[in-house]
Amino acid sequence: MNQQIETFYDPNTFTLTYVVYDADSRDAVVIDPVLDYNPIGSKISDESYQKVVDFVAEKNLKLHYVLETHAHADHLSSSQLFRDEFPDIQVAISERIRQVQEVFKGVYNLPDTFVTDGQQFDRLLKDNEEFTAGTLSIRAIPTPGHTPACVSYLIGDAVFTGDALFMPDFGTGRCDFPAGDAKTLYKGVTQNLYSLPDDTRVFVGHDYQPGGREVAWESTIGEEKAKNIQLNANTTEDEYVKFRETKDATLQAPKLIYQSILVNIEAGHLPKQESNGSRYLKIPLNIQTARAQ
């Protein structure tokens, strides 16, 4: 097998999308694709999606899956555009997406018609499930904590960590979203990722370019264990949990959290058209007032 990885970076959401493919068989998967959304005017466009599709066409690839590492809180998924373009493709995510759906059904006060059994996705993956996409062999490694449904994908000598593990100079994902948990993320990283061989290549889900450095997306398990500023091989569980909870208490919510999660817990399906032909996003209000003392 001649495994290759093509990377696409969306600077608006700091998101990295990957196409992993076998250059010999042309079998391929897409990991964490972006649907462009501008909250000013609530405009959706497909520039990021089209870049990936153009590459797929250029290489004459056969797409088998859109693999979601979790229900993203900072960008909408373009998974359904891929299903429209490639009818045989499947959208896959951890089976623990059911927990996320249940939590956010309450957050959005969704109707009873919104089911929380994960059926919106084509395939629900069990922890450590191994499956194939043509000649590509994939393992779904559980890395929950950022969300309950976070999963990393091991394909050949590369692991795609989503929001669980970032570049060593940035650290890990936050754990303060509903049903997130720092202790759970610690165990997922130290037990499930750091047990991989040190030369396993790590491809991250976002890069926030600390210090203004150039965008980067690849490290190794060995580098993460040695240098990750938040969670390295010597970090204790208590140290990490204390750090993560303290830091998360200072963070603002992602600016697209409500738009993104509403769509992403539905496997990238946009809200259905209403009687006037328009679609509407449901966003809860957080009303704060300032009163004179």
Protein backbone atom coordinates (compact mmCIF):
# COMPACT_ATOMS: atom_id res chain seq x y z
CA MET A 1 0.00 0.00 0.00
CA ASN A 2 1.20 3.49 -0.88
CA GLN A 3 -0.55 5.61 1.76
CA GLN A 4 -0.64 9.36 1.16
CA ILE A 5 -2.14 12.24 3.14
CA GLU A 6 -3.33 15.54 1.70
CA THR A 7 -4.05 18.40 4.11
CA PHE A 8 -6.51 21.29 3.75
CA TYR A 9 -6.48 24.22 6.18
CA ASP A 10 -9.41 26.54 6.84
CA PRO A 11 -8.00 29.71 8.43
CA ASN A 12 -11.45 30.98 9.39
CA THR A 13 -11.94 28.14 11.87
CA PHE A 14 -8.32 26.93 12.19
CA THR A 15 -9.58 23.52 11.04
CA LEU A 16 -7.54 20.84 9.30
CA THR A 17 -9.26 18.46 6.91
CA TYR A 18 -7.46 15.40 5.61
CA VAL A 19 -7.78 13.12 2.62
CA VAL A 20 -6.06 9.81 3.31
CA TYR A 21 -5.61 7.60 0.27
CA ASP A 22 -3.75 4.70 -1.24
CA ALA A 23 -2.02 6.05 -4.33
CA ASP A 24 -2.00 2.57 -5.86
CA SER A 25 -5.62 1.49 -5.35
CA ARG A 26 -6.99 5.07 -5.11
CA ASP A 27 -9.17 4.11 -2.14
CA ALA A 28 -9.67 7.14 0.16
CA VAL A 29 -11.38 8.65 3.17
CA VAL A 30 -12.03 12.26 4.18
CA ILE A 31 -11.58 13.31 7.81
CA ASP A 32 -13.40 16.33 9.33
CA PRO A 33 -14.52 18.29 6.23
CA VAL A 34 -15.66 21.91 6.59
CA LEU A 35 -18.82 23.64 5.37
CA ASP A 36 -18.11 27.38 5.23
CA TYR A 37 -20.43 29.49 7.35
CA ASN A 38 -20.41 33.24 7.89
CA PRO A 39 -22.55 34.32 10.85
CA ILE A 40 -22.84 37.79 9.30
CA GLY A 41 -25.88 37.25 7.15
CA SER A 42 -25.91 33.56 8.12
CA LYS A 43 -24.35 32.63 4.78
CA ILE A 44 -23.30 29.11 3.86
CA SER A 45 -20.88 28.39 1.03
CA ASP A 46 -18.84 25.43 -0.19
CA GLU A 47 -15.34 26.73 -0.99
CA SER A 48 -13.62 24.42 1.50
CA TYR A 49 -15.63 21.44 0.32
CA GLN A 50 -14.87 22.20 -3.31
CA LYS A 51 -11.11 22.23 -2.71
CA VAL A 52 -11.33 18.70 -1.38
CA VAL A 53 -13.58 17.52 -4.21
CA ASP A 54 -11.26 19.03 -6.81
CA PHE A 55 -8.34 17.14 -5.29
CA VAL A 56 -10.34 13.90 -5.23
CA ALA A 57 -11.19 14.38 -8.91
CA GLU A 58 -7.60 15.26 -9.83
CA LYS A 59 -6.30 12.06 -8.23
CA ASN A 60 -9.29 10.00 -9.41
CA LEU A 61 -9.89 8.75 -5.88
CA LYS A 62 -12.65 6.45 -4.70
CA LEU A 63 -14.08 7.85 -1.47
CA HIS A 64 -15.47 5.35 1.03
CA TYR A 65 -16.05 7.39 4.20
CA VAL A 66 -16.35 10.79 5.75
CA LEU A 67 -14.85 10.18 9.19
CA GLU A 68 -15.88 12.63 11.88
CA THR A 69 -13.65 12.79 14.96
CA HIS A 70 -16.57 14.30 16.93
CA ALA A 71 -19.51 16.69 16.68
CA HIS A 72 -17.53 19.88 16.12
CA ALA A 73 -18.36 23.06 18.02
CA ASP A 74 -16.47 25.50 15.79
CA HIS A 75 -17.43 24.64 12.23
CA LEU A 76 -20.23 22.99 10.31
CA SER A 77 -19.50 19.68 8.63
CA SER A 78 -19.84 19.34 4.86
CA SER A 79 -20.36 15.58 5.14
CA GLN A 80 -23.76 15.66 3.42
CA LEU A 81 -22.32 17.44 0.39
CA PHE A 82 -19.99 14.47 0.01
CA ARG A 83 -22.93 12.08 0.27
CA ASP A 84 -24.73 14.02 -2.43
CA GLU A 85 -21.67 13.93 -4.71
CA PHE A 86 -20.61 10.37 -3.92
CA PRO A 87 -23.73 8.25 -3.26
CA ASP A 88 -21.79 5.24 -1.95
CA ILE A 89 -19.91 7.18 0.73
CA GLN A 90 -20.75 6.67 4.40
CA VAL A 91 -20.55 9.18 7.25
CA ALA A 92 -19.07 7.56 10.36
CA ILE A 93 -18.62 8.69 13.95
CA SER A 94 -18.25 7.10 17.40
CA GLU A 95 -21.38 5.40 18.69
CA ARG A 96 -21.08 7.66 21.73
CA ILE A 97 -22.55 10.44 19.58
CA ARG A 98 -25.82 9.28 21.17
CA GLN A 99 -24.71 10.84 24.46
CA VAL A 100 -23.95 14.13 22.72
CA GLN A 101 -27.32 14.10 20.95
CA GLU A 102 -29.11 13.46 24.22
CA VAL A 103 -27.34 16.35 25.95
CA PHE A 104 -27.93 18.87 23.18
CA LYS A 105 -31.51 17.80 22.59
CA GLY A 106 -32.08 19.39 25.98
CA VAL A 107 -29.86 22.40 25.29
CA TYR A 108 -31.80 23.23 22.12
CA ASN A 109 -35.16 22.00 23.47
CA LEU A 110 -35.53 19.91 20.33
CA PRO A 111 -38.86 18.18 19.64
CA ASP A 112 -39.55 14.51 20.28
CA THR A 113 -39.10 13.87 16.56
CA PHE A 114 -35.36 14.42 17.05
CA VAL A 115 -34.05 10.95 17.81
CA THR A 116 -30.92 10.37 19.85
CA ASP A 117 -29.95 6.89 18.65
CA GLY A 118 -27.39 8.12 16.11
CA GLN A 119 -29.41 7.00 13.10
CA GLN A 120 -28.61 10.29 11.32
CA PHE A 121 -25.16 8.81 10.64
CA ASP A 122 -24.49 5.95 8.25
CA ARG A 123 -22.13 4.10 10.57
CA LEU A 124 -21.59 4.20 14.33
CA LEU A 125 -18.18 2.94 15.40
CA LYS A 126 -17.47 0.98 18.55
CA ASP A 127 -14.39 1.76 20.62
CA ASN A 128 -11.29 0.25 18.98
CA GLU A 129 -13.36 -1.08 16.10
CA GLU A 130 -11.25 -2.00 13.08
CA PHE A 131 -12.67 -1.58 9.59
CA THR A 132 -11.49 -1.06 6.04
CA ALA A 133 -11.96 1.44 3.25
CA GLY A 134 -10.80 -0.57 0.28
CA THR A 135 -7.10 -1.18 0.92
CA LEU A 136 -7.00 1.26 3.87
CA SER A 137 -7.16 -0.32 7.34
CA ILE A 138 -8.58 1.93 10.08
CA ARG A 139 -8.96 1.67 13.85
CA ALA A 140 -11.29 3.92 15.84
CA ILE A 141 -9.39 4.78 19.02
CA PRO A 142 -11.56 6.28 21.78
CA THR A 143 -10.29 9.66 22.99
CA PRO A 144 -13.32 11.20 24.77
CA GLY A 145 -13.20 14.12 27.16
CA HIS A 146 -13.44 17.12 24.85
CA THR A 147 -16.81 15.58 24.03
CA PRO A 148 -18.06 12.09 24.94
CA ALA A 149 -17.95 11.04 21.27
CA CYS A 150 -14.38 12.03 20.41
CA VAL A 151 -12.49 9.37 18.50
CA SER A 152 -9.07 9.29 16.85
CA TYR A 153 -8.45 7.33 13.66
CA LEU A 154 -5.34 5.20 13.26
CA ILE A 155 -4.59 4.61 9.58
CA GLY A 156 -1.26 2.97 8.86
CA ASP A 157 1.46 4.84 10.75
CA ALA A 158 -0.71 7.96 11.21
CA VAL A 159 -3.27 8.87 13.85
CA PHE A 160 -5.78 11.68 13.36
CA THR A 161 -6.58 13.09 16.78
CA GLY A 162 -9.29 15.69 16.15
CA ASP A 163 -9.59 17.98 19.18
CA ALA A 164 -8.11 15.54 21.69
CA LEU A 165 -4.44 16.27 21.03
CA PHE A 166 -2.97 19.32 19.30
CA MET A 167 0.55 20.31 18.34
CA PRO A 168 2.99 20.05 21.29
CA ASP A 169 3.24 23.84 21.68
CA PHE A 170 -0.53 24.18 22.09
CA GLY A 171 -1.62 21.15 24.10
CA THR A 172 -5.03 19.49 24.13
CA GLY A 173 -8.67 20.26 23.56
CA ARG A 174 -10.80 22.03 26.14
CA CYS A 175 -13.11 19.96 28.33
CA ASP A 176 -15.79 22.41 29.47
CA PHE A 177 -18.45 21.68 26.88
CA PRO A 178 -21.58 19.88 28.14
CA ALA A 179 -20.59 16.32 29.16
CA GLY A 180 -16.89 17.08 28.64
CA ASP A 181 -14.45 15.85 31.28
CA ALA A 182 -10.74 16.54 31.79
CA LYS A 183 -10.08 13.29 33.65
CA THR A 184 -11.59 11.32 30.79
CA LEU A 185 -9.46 13.13 28.22
CA TYR A 186 -6.34 12.51 30.29
CA LYS A 187 -7.00 8.78 30.25
CA GLY A 188 -7.86 8.76 26.56
CA VAL A 189 -4.61 10.46 25.61
CA THR A 190 -2.24 8.75 28.03
CA GLN A 191 -3.70 5.24 27.75
CA ASN A 192 -4.92 5.12 24.16
CA LEU A 193 -2.68 7.51 22.23
CA TYR A 194 0.56 7.50 24.20
CA SER A 195 0.59 3.69 24.07
CA LEU A 196 1.10 3.86 20.30
CA PRO A 197 4.67 3.56 18.95
CA ASP A 198 6.66 6.78 19.36
CA ASP A 199 7.16 7.12 15.60
CA THR A 200 3.40 7.14 14.95
CA ARG A 201 2.64 10.35 13.10
CA VAL A 202 0.06 12.64 14.73
CA PHE A 203 -2.24 14.77 12.58
CA VAL A 204 -4.22 17.31 14.60
CA GLY A 205 -7.72 18.67 14.05
CA HIS A 206 -6.89 22.34 14.57
CA ASP A 207 -3.86 24.57 14.74
CA TYR A 208 -4.18 27.93 16.47
CA GLN A 209 -0.62 29.03 15.61
CA PRO A 210 0.59 30.08 19.07
CA GLY A 211 3.00 32.99 18.96
CA GLY A 212 2.03 33.67 15.38
CA ARG A 213 4.07 30.79 13.98
CA GLU A 214 3.27 29.20 10.63
CA VAL A 215 0.40 26.73 10.57
CA ALA A 216 1.46 23.19 11.48
CA TRP A 217 -0.43 19.93 11.72
CA GLU A 218 1.96 17.01 12.08
CA SER A 219 3.97 15.75 15.04
CA THR A 220 4.67 12.28 16.45
CA ILE A 221 3.56 10.40 19.52
CA GLY A 222 7.14 10.60 20.78
CA GLU A 223 7.21 14.38 20.38
CA GLU A 224 3.87 14.75 22.12
CA LYS A 225 4.98 12.59 25.04
CA ALA A 226 8.19 14.60 25.38
CA LYS A 227 7.06 18.14 24.65
CA ASN A 228 3.29 18.64 24.89
CA ILE A 229 3.01 21.72 27.10
CA GLN A 230 -0.25 20.60 28.72
CA LEU A 231 -0.09 16.81 28.74
CA ASN A 232 3.23 15.01 28.30
CA ALA A 233 4.33 11.61 29.51
CA ASN A 234 5.30 12.99 32.91
CA THR A 235 2.09 14.94 33.59
CA THR A 236 0.02 13.44 36.39
CA GLU A 237 -3.75 13.16 36.21
CA ASP A 238 -4.22 15.62 39.06
CA GLU A 239 -1.88 18.16 37.44
CA TYR A 240 -3.68 17.95 34.13
CA VAL A 241 -7.19 18.11 35.56
CA LYS A 242 -6.31 21.11 37.71
CA PHE A 243 -4.68 22.90 34.77
CA ARG A 244 -7.48 22.09 32.32
CA GLU A 245 -10.32 23.10 34.60
CA THR A 246 -8.60 26.33 35.60
CA LYS A 247 -7.83 27.29 32.01
CA ASP A 248 -11.24 26.28 30.66
CA ALA A 249 -12.93 28.56 33.21
CA THR A 250 -11.31 31.53 31.43
CA LEU A 251 -12.28 30.58 27.88
CA GLN A 252 -15.08 32.08 25.83
CA ALA A 253 -17.43 29.76 23.99
CA PRO A 254 -16.56 29.17 20.31
CA LYS A 255 -18.35 31.77 18.24
CA LEU A 256 -20.12 29.17 16.09
CA ILE A 257 -20.88 26.64 18.81
CA TYR A 258 -24.66 26.68 18.56
CA GLN A 259 -24.80 26.79 14.76
CA SER A 260 -22.19 24.05 14.46
CA ILE A 261 -23.47 21.55 16.98
CA LEU A 262 -27.08 21.85 15.83
CA VAL A 263 -25.99 20.75 12.35
CA ASN A 264 -23.26 18.31 13.36
CA ILE A 265 -25.34 16.18 15.74
CA GLU A 266 -27.54 15.65 12.68
CA ALA A 267 -24.55 14.29 10.70
CA GLY A 268 -24.18 17.53 8.76
CA HIS A 269 -27.81 17.75 7.68
CA LEU A 270 -28.97 21.36 7.54
CA PRO A 271 -32.31 22.18 9.19
CA LYS A 272 -35.24 21.23 7.01
CA GLN A 273 -36.93 23.82 4.84
CA GLU A 274 -39.98 25.37 6.41
CA SER A 275 -43.22 26.35 4.68
CA ASN A 276 -41.71 29.53 3.25
CA GLY A 277 -38.80 27.63 1.70
CA SER A 278 -36.21 28.92 4.19
CA ARG A 279 -34.11 27.07 6.76
CA TYR A 280 -33.51 28.34 10.29
CA LEU A 281 -30.85 27.73 12.89
CA LYS A 282 -31.98 27.55 16.51
CA ILE A 283 -29.74 29.49 18.90
CA PRO A 284 -30.51 29.83 22.62
CA LEU A 285 -30.16 33.29 24.10
CA ASN A 286 -27.92 33.95 27.07
CA ILE A 287 -29.33 37.21 28.39
CA GLN A 288 -27.16 39.16 30.77
CA THR A 289 -28.03 42.55 32.20
CA ALA A 290 -26.02 45.22 33.96
CA ARG A 291 -27.83 47.01 36.74
CA ALA A 292 -26.64 50.10 38.56
CA GLN A 293 -25.69 49.37 42.14
